[in-house]
Structure formats: structure tokens, C-alpha cells
Amino acid sequence: MLLVIDAGNTNIVFAVRDENGWIGSWRIRTDPQRTSDEYAVWLLALLGHVGLRKENVSRAVLGTVVPAALYHLRRLCREWFSVEPLVARASLDWGFEIRVDQPNEVGADRLLNALAGHHIFGGPLIVVDFGTATTFDVVNQDGAYLGGVIAPGINLSLEALHQAAAQLPRIGIGRPRSVIGTSTVPAMQSGVYWGYVGLIEGLIARIKAEYGGPMKVLATGGLAPLFAEGTMQIEHIEPDLTLDGLRMLAERNPAPVMPRERTRLIETE
């Protein structure tokens, strides 16, 4: 069974998969100071809830955009599941070219979305990921990663609006009934929602014009369905795209070998 770990800036998603598909997935708030033992207590309880034990895990794959979280997540795999995780890096076999100036600077989630998106839908393709940042990633017909756009995420924008303007309250995200707000909160909701729809449509149009041809548009992330309601530009929604990318990456690359020091420790326990 494969343990998949997707560590983002806001949440870390843990999922398990066997040959028949996904068995379960769970998320926890990202905290770089959380130890491997803390992760283990939480995760083992959830695995037990679906009838699994740590011995069922035979392999692990890990993608993170939070370098400080890598140490404890790697220790979780080694100390509690006795496996060395495959860590998503640009140097692995992705099955496509990474045509950017500094491949090592590209977030693992963006490459994983490109891998899974092209595998499922083909190309050329734009992948919009509604995360802590809203990213637009471009994949050509052959699957090569061409780069993209990084914009502030919707929650960051909401928090900045609240903190910078003393009289504006903190609001939730939702699609307003009308564009013209007749009081403060509806006006803010309209600006945030329809402003983001305008950003989405504008960037997609500019990317397509620069690419020079038609492109499919795929969205992922928790807010993808909400914003897809407001625009015809988003054609497909795949909530598990990054997890699928991690699974595909693990299938393309050999399992890493456990460090010798840790192997000897396990043998003597």
C-alpha cells in the first residue's frame, strides 16, 4: 500500500492507496514544528479507523512546498512505517521536460499537477490551482512544463483586505447574488469573488494568446468548484490532482533505499 503525503502551505494531506484505488485521505494544518511522533499518533488512529495498520504501508511518496516540514515528515515515514519516502524533486524522472530557467525552484505541487493533468486530459493544458497561492501552470501538447503564473491566493487577499482597512470586517468566501453590493459585506464579497473571476479569465486569455492556440483548462484545489460556477473558462475540475501526481511519480521512479544507519536500527529492535 502506498502512503501519499502532500504538504502545502496551509494543510498537509495524507492519503493511502492500494491497487484498487484510494482508500482514504485526511488533512491536518501545516505546522513545521509538529514532530514525527505527533503526526504518527494522529495518522495511525485514522488508519485504524479504516481497518489499516502501519505494517500495511510498503511505500511512501512525499511532495512539499514547505522545506521546514520535510525533516519531520521524512522521519515519520522512516521511524513509524519503516520506509524511505520518495521526495518529489525536479531531478526525478517526470516523463516530461521542465522548460524553465531554474527547474529546482518550481514548486513540487506545480510539477505534480502538470504530470497528472497531462496524463488525464492531454495537452496543451492550463492547470489552475486554488491554494494558498493561486497558480496557473502551462503544459504543451507533449507534456512539457513551460512555466506559469503565481498570484496571491483568495484567503491571503481576504486577510490583507481586513488587516489593511480598519473599517472592513473579515468575511467568508462566497458567490454574491449581484455584482453591485448595497452594503459593505456584499460589496467586499463581490470585489473578492468577481475580481478573482476577472483575474482567472484575464490570465487564461493572455496565456492562450501567448501560447498561440486553443488550450484545455483544468482546475484543482478546494475553491475550484466555487470559482468554476462564475466562469465558462474552467472546463474540468479534479480535486485529487496533486495526489494523483504523487502516485504517478512513485510509479515512474524506484523506491529509495532506507539509510543504512536506520536499517540497522530496525533490525535490532
Protein backbone atom coordinates (compact mmCIF):
# COMPACT_ATOMS: atom_id res chain seq x y z
CA MET A 1 0.00 0.00 0.00
CA LEU A 2 1.23 3.48 -0.90
CA LEU A 3 1.27 6.34 1.61
CA VAL A 4 0.98 9.70 -0.18
CA ILE A 5 1.83 12.97 1.60
CA ASP A 6 1.07 16.36 0.03
CA ALA A 7 2.43 19.14 2.27
CA GLY A 8 1.13 22.57 1.30
CA ASN A 9 1.48 25.94 2.96
CA THR A 10 -1.89 25.69 4.69
CA ASN A 11 -2.65 21.97 5.06
CA ILE A 12 -0.92 18.62 4.75
CA VAL A 13 -2.94 15.85 3.10
CA PHE A 14 -2.19 12.21 3.91
CA ALA A 15 -3.74 9.54 1.68
CA VAL A 16 -3.39 5.80 1.23
CA ARG A 17 -3.89 3.83 -1.94
CA ASP A 18 -3.76 0.20 -2.97
CA GLU A 19 -4.07 -1.46 -6.39
CA ASN A 20 -7.84 -0.83 -6.36
CA GLY A 21 -7.69 2.93 -5.72
CA TRP A 22 -7.74 5.45 -2.90
CA ILE A 23 -8.74 4.04 0.49
CA GLY A 24 -8.82 7.26 2.47
CA SER A 25 -7.40 10.76 2.77
CA TRP A 26 -7.09 13.13 5.72
CA ARG A 27 -5.74 16.63 6.24
CA ILE A 28 -4.07 18.47 9.10
CA ARG A 29 -2.98 22.08 9.44
CA THR A 30 0.60 22.67 8.32
CA ASP A 31 2.91 23.32 11.25
CA PRO A 32 6.66 22.91 10.54
CA GLN A 33 7.27 22.41 14.27
CA ARG A 34 4.98 19.38 14.52
CA THR A 35 7.10 16.31 15.24
CA SER A 36 7.04 12.92 13.54
CA ASP A 37 5.60 11.38 16.72
CA GLU A 38 2.72 13.87 16.73
CA TYR A 39 1.94 13.06 13.10
CA ALA A 40 2.09 9.35 13.91
CA VAL A 41 -0.39 9.46 16.81
CA TRP A 42 -2.90 11.29 14.62
CA LEU A 43 -2.35 9.32 11.41
CA LEU A 44 -2.27 5.84 12.95
CA ALA A 45 -5.60 6.49 14.63
CA LEU A 46 -7.12 7.44 11.27
CA LEU A 47 -5.63 4.42 9.54
CA GLY A 48 -7.10 2.22 12.24
CA HIS A 49 -10.49 3.80 11.60
CA VAL A 50 -10.47 2.29 8.08
CA GLY A 51 -9.06 -1.03 9.27
CA LEU A 52 -5.40 -0.47 8.36
CA ARG A 53 -2.18 -0.85 10.32
CA LYS A 54 1.21 0.75 9.79
CA GLU A 55 2.51 -2.60 8.52
CA ASN A 56 0.18 -2.28 5.53
CA VAL A 57 2.27 0.60 4.17
CA SER A 58 5.01 -0.69 1.89
CA ARG A 59 6.00 2.56 0.17
CA ALA A 60 5.69 6.33 0.60
CA VAL A 61 5.89 9.37 -1.65
CA LEU A 62 6.14 12.92 -0.39
CA GLY A 63 5.70 16.32 -2.01
CA THR A 64 6.15 19.56 -0.09
CA VAL A 65 6.39 23.28 -0.73
CA VAL A 66 7.36 23.82 2.94
CA PRO A 67 11.04 22.83 3.28
CA ALA A 68 10.91 23.14 7.07
CA ALA A 69 8.26 20.38 7.23
CA LEU A 70 10.34 17.87 5.26
CA TYR A 71 12.52 16.69 8.16
CA HIS A 72 9.67 15.54 10.41
CA LEU A 73 7.61 14.07 7.57
CA ARG A 74 10.60 12.05 6.40
CA ARG A 75 11.17 10.85 9.98
CA LEU A 76 7.50 9.84 10.16
CA CYS A 77 7.97 7.53 7.19
CA ARG A 78 11.26 6.11 8.46
CA GLU A 79 10.51 5.71 12.16
CA TRP A 80 6.86 4.67 12.05
CA PHE A 81 6.40 2.96 8.67
CA SER A 82 9.96 1.68 8.05
CA VAL A 83 10.05 3.07 4.50
CA GLU A 84 12.19 5.73 2.86
CA PRO A 85 9.87 8.23 1.14
CA LEU A 86 10.37 9.28 -2.46
CA VAL A 87 10.58 13.08 -2.26
CA ALA A 88 9.26 14.97 -5.29
CA ARG A 89 12.14 16.94 -6.81
CA ALA A 90 12.90 18.30 -10.27
CA SER A 91 15.78 15.83 -10.61
CA LEU A 92 13.47 12.79 -10.66
CA ASP A 93 12.09 11.10 -13.78
CA TRP A 94 8.92 13.07 -14.55
CA GLY A 95 8.43 11.80 -18.05
CA PHE A 96 8.48 15.34 -19.46
CA GLU A 97 10.84 18.28 -19.90
CA ILE A 98 10.83 21.13 -17.38
CA ARG A 99 11.45 24.10 -19.67
CA VAL A 100 12.05 26.89 -17.16
CA ASP A 101 15.15 28.84 -16.20
CA GLN A 102 15.56 27.24 -12.77
CA PRO A 103 13.80 23.84 -12.58
CA ASN A 104 14.77 23.37 -8.93
CA GLU A 105 12.79 26.49 -8.00
CA VAL A 106 9.47 25.14 -9.30
CA GLY A 107 7.15 24.04 -6.51
CA ALA A 108 6.62 20.29 -6.38
CA ASP A 109 2.85 20.76 -6.43
CA ARG A 110 3.02 22.57 -9.78
CA LEU A 111 5.02 19.78 -11.42
CA LEU A 112 2.75 17.15 -9.89
CA ASN A 113 -0.33 18.93 -11.24
CA ALA A 114 1.28 19.10 -14.67
CA LEU A 115 2.12 15.39 -14.58
CA ALA A 116 -1.37 14.26 -13.56
CA GLY A 117 -3.20 16.85 -15.66
CA HIS A 118 -1.49 15.88 -18.90
CA HIS A 119 -1.88 12.17 -18.15
CA ILE A 120 -5.65 12.57 -17.64
CA PHE A 121 -6.54 15.23 -20.20
CA GLY A 122 -3.62 15.55 -22.59
CA GLY A 123 -2.40 18.93 -23.79
CA PRO A 124 -1.88 21.72 -24.35
CA LEU A 125 -3.23 22.49 -20.91
CA ILE A 126 -3.56 25.21 -18.29
CA VAL A 127 -3.81 23.98 -14.69
CA VAL A 128 -5.29 26.45 -12.19
CA ASP A 129 -4.64 25.52 -8.56
CA PHE A 130 -6.59 27.40 -5.88
CA GLY A 131 -4.28 27.04 -2.90
CA THR A 132 -2.52 29.44 -0.54
CA ALA A 133 -1.34 30.98 -3.80
CA THR A 134 -3.38 30.73 -6.98
CA THR A 135 -1.15 29.24 -9.67
CA PHE A 136 -1.58 28.88 -13.41
CA ASP A 137 0.70 26.26 -14.96
CA VAL A 138 1.19 25.66 -18.66
CA VAL A 139 1.77 22.27 -20.28
CA ASN A 140 2.29 21.82 -24.00
CA GLN A 141 0.98 19.13 -26.33
CA ASP A 142 3.84 16.74 -25.49
CA GLY A 143 3.51 17.24 -21.73
CA ALA A 144 6.49 19.58 -21.27
CA TYR A 145 6.15 22.04 -18.40
CA LEU A 146 6.54 25.60 -19.73
CA GLY A 147 6.13 27.66 -16.57
CA GLY A 148 3.20 29.75 -15.48
CA VAL A 149 1.83 32.45 -13.19
CA ILE A 150 1.70 32.81 -9.39
CA ALA A 151 -0.94 35.12 -7.89
CA PRO A 152 -1.99 35.72 -4.26
CA GLY A 153 -4.48 33.16 -3.01
CA ILE A 154 -8.02 34.19 -2.23
CA ASN A 155 -7.64 33.75 1.54
CA LEU A 156 -4.47 35.86 1.55
CA SER A 157 -6.35 38.60 -0.28
CA LEU A 158 -9.24 38.48 2.17
CA GLU A 159 -6.93 38.68 5.17
CA ALA A 160 -4.91 41.54 3.66
CA LEU A 161 -8.12 43.48 2.95
CA HIS A 162 -9.29 43.05 6.53
CA GLN A 163 -5.95 43.95 8.12
CA ALA A 164 -5.14 46.94 5.94
CA ALA A 165 -8.55 48.63 6.12
CA ALA A 166 -9.66 49.37 9.69
CA GLN A 167 -13.40 49.54 8.92
CA LEU A 168 -13.60 46.42 6.76
CA PRO A 169 -14.58 43.20 8.56
CA ARG A 170 -13.21 39.72 7.98
CA ILE A 171 -15.58 37.96 5.58
CA GLY A 172 -16.12 34.48 4.21
CA ILE A 173 -15.83 33.44 0.59
CA GLY A 174 -18.99 33.03 -1.43
CA ARG A 175 -20.58 33.88 -4.75
CA PRO A 176 -22.66 37.04 -4.29
CA ARG A 177 -26.10 37.30 -5.86
CA SER A 178 -25.21 40.51 -7.69
CA VAL A 179 -22.09 42.41 -8.69
CA ILE A 180 -23.24 45.70 -7.16
CA GLY A 181 -23.17 45.42 -3.39
CA THR A 182 -25.65 47.57 -1.43
CA SER A 183 -23.75 47.31 1.88
CA THR A 184 -20.17 46.75 2.99
CA VAL A 185 -20.07 42.95 3.24
CA PRO A 186 -21.82 42.24 -0.12
CA ALA A 187 -19.59 44.85 -1.77
CA MET A 188 -16.48 43.13 -0.37
CA GLN A 189 -17.74 39.69 -1.38
CA SER A 190 -18.41 40.96 -4.89
CA GLY A 191 -14.99 42.53 -5.19
CA VAL A 192 -13.23 39.41 -4.00
CA TYR A 193 -15.28 36.88 -5.95
CA TRP A 194 -15.83 38.68 -9.23
CA GLY A 195 -12.41 40.26 -9.00
CA TYR A 196 -10.91 36.78 -8.87
CA VAL A 197 -13.11 35.62 -11.72
CA GLY A 198 -11.76 38.55 -13.71
CA LEU A 199 -8.21 37.57 -12.79
CA ILE A 200 -8.84 33.96 -13.83
CA GLU A 201 -10.43 34.87 -17.14
CA GLY A 202 -7.86 37.55 -17.92
CA LEU A 203 -4.83 35.38 -17.24
CA ILE A 204 -6.26 32.39 -19.10
CA ALA A 205 -6.95 34.59 -22.13
CA ARG A 206 -3.43 36.06 -22.06
CA ILE A 207 -1.80 32.64 -21.65
CA LYS A 208 -3.77 31.26 -24.59
CA ALA A 209 -2.86 34.29 -26.73
CA GLU A 210 0.82 33.94 -25.86
CA TYR A 211 0.78 30.20 -26.44
CA GLY A 212 -0.85 30.76 -29.81
CA GLY A 213 -3.56 28.13 -29.88
CA PRO A 214 -6.50 26.54 -28.06
CA MET A 215 -5.80 25.01 -24.65
CA LYS A 216 -7.78 22.93 -22.18
CA VAL A 217 -8.29 24.46 -18.74
CA LEU A 218 -8.28 22.32 -15.61
CA ALA A 219 -8.77 23.48 -12.01
CA THR A 220 -7.90 21.89 -8.68
CA GLY A 221 -7.92 22.94 -5.04
CA GLY A 222 -10.74 23.33 -2.54
CA LEU A 223 -12.16 26.52 -4.06
CA ALA A 224 -12.12 25.29 -7.67
CA PRO A 225 -15.85 24.37 -7.75
CA LEU A 226 -16.86 27.76 -6.33
CA PHE A 227 -14.97 29.77 -8.93
CA ALA A 228 -15.89 27.41 -11.76
CA GLU A 229 -19.50 28.49 -11.14
CA GLY A 230 -18.61 32.03 -12.16
CA THR A 231 -16.74 31.41 -15.41
CA MET A 232 -17.01 29.26 -18.51
CA GLN A 233 -13.22 29.22 -18.88
CA ILE A 234 -12.73 26.33 -16.43
CA GLU A 235 -13.63 23.13 -18.28
CA HIS A 236 -12.66 20.40 -15.80
CA ILE A 237 -12.28 20.09 -12.02
CA GLU A 238 -10.01 17.46 -10.45
CA PRO A 239 -9.90 17.75 -6.63
CA ASP A 240 -7.28 14.99 -6.19
CA LEU A 241 -4.93 16.13 -8.96
CA THR A 242 -1.84 16.62 -6.76
CA LEU A 243 -2.36 13.27 -5.02
CA ASP A 244 -2.68 11.57 -8.41
CA GLY A 245 0.53 13.29 -9.49
CA LEU A 246 2.36 11.90 -6.46
CA ARG A 247 1.04 8.43 -7.17
CA MET A 248 2.15 8.66 -10.83
CA LEU A 249 5.58 9.95 -9.81
CA ALA A 250 6.01 6.98 -7.46
CA GLU A 251 5.10 4.63 -10.31
CA ARG A 252 7.75 6.20 -12.57
CA ASN A 253 10.63 6.13 -10.07
CA PRO A 254 12.22 3.36 -7.99
CA ALA A 255 11.66 3.34 -4.25
CA PRO A 256 14.56 4.97 -2.37
CA VAL A 257 16.70 2.80 -0.14
CA MET A 258 16.44 3.30 3.61
CA PRO A 259 19.64 4.86 5.02
CA ARG A 260 21.97 2.18 6.32
CA GLU A 261 22.01 3.56 9.87
CA ARG A 262 18.24 3.38 10.12
CA THR A 263 18.13 -0.11 8.60
CA ARG A 264 20.48 -1.45 11.25
CA LEU A 265 18.37 0.15 13.98
CA ILE A 266 15.19 -1.50 12.71
CA GLU A 267 16.92 -4.91 12.55
CA THR A 268 17.93 -4.70 16.20
CA GLU A 269 14.54 -3.56 17.54
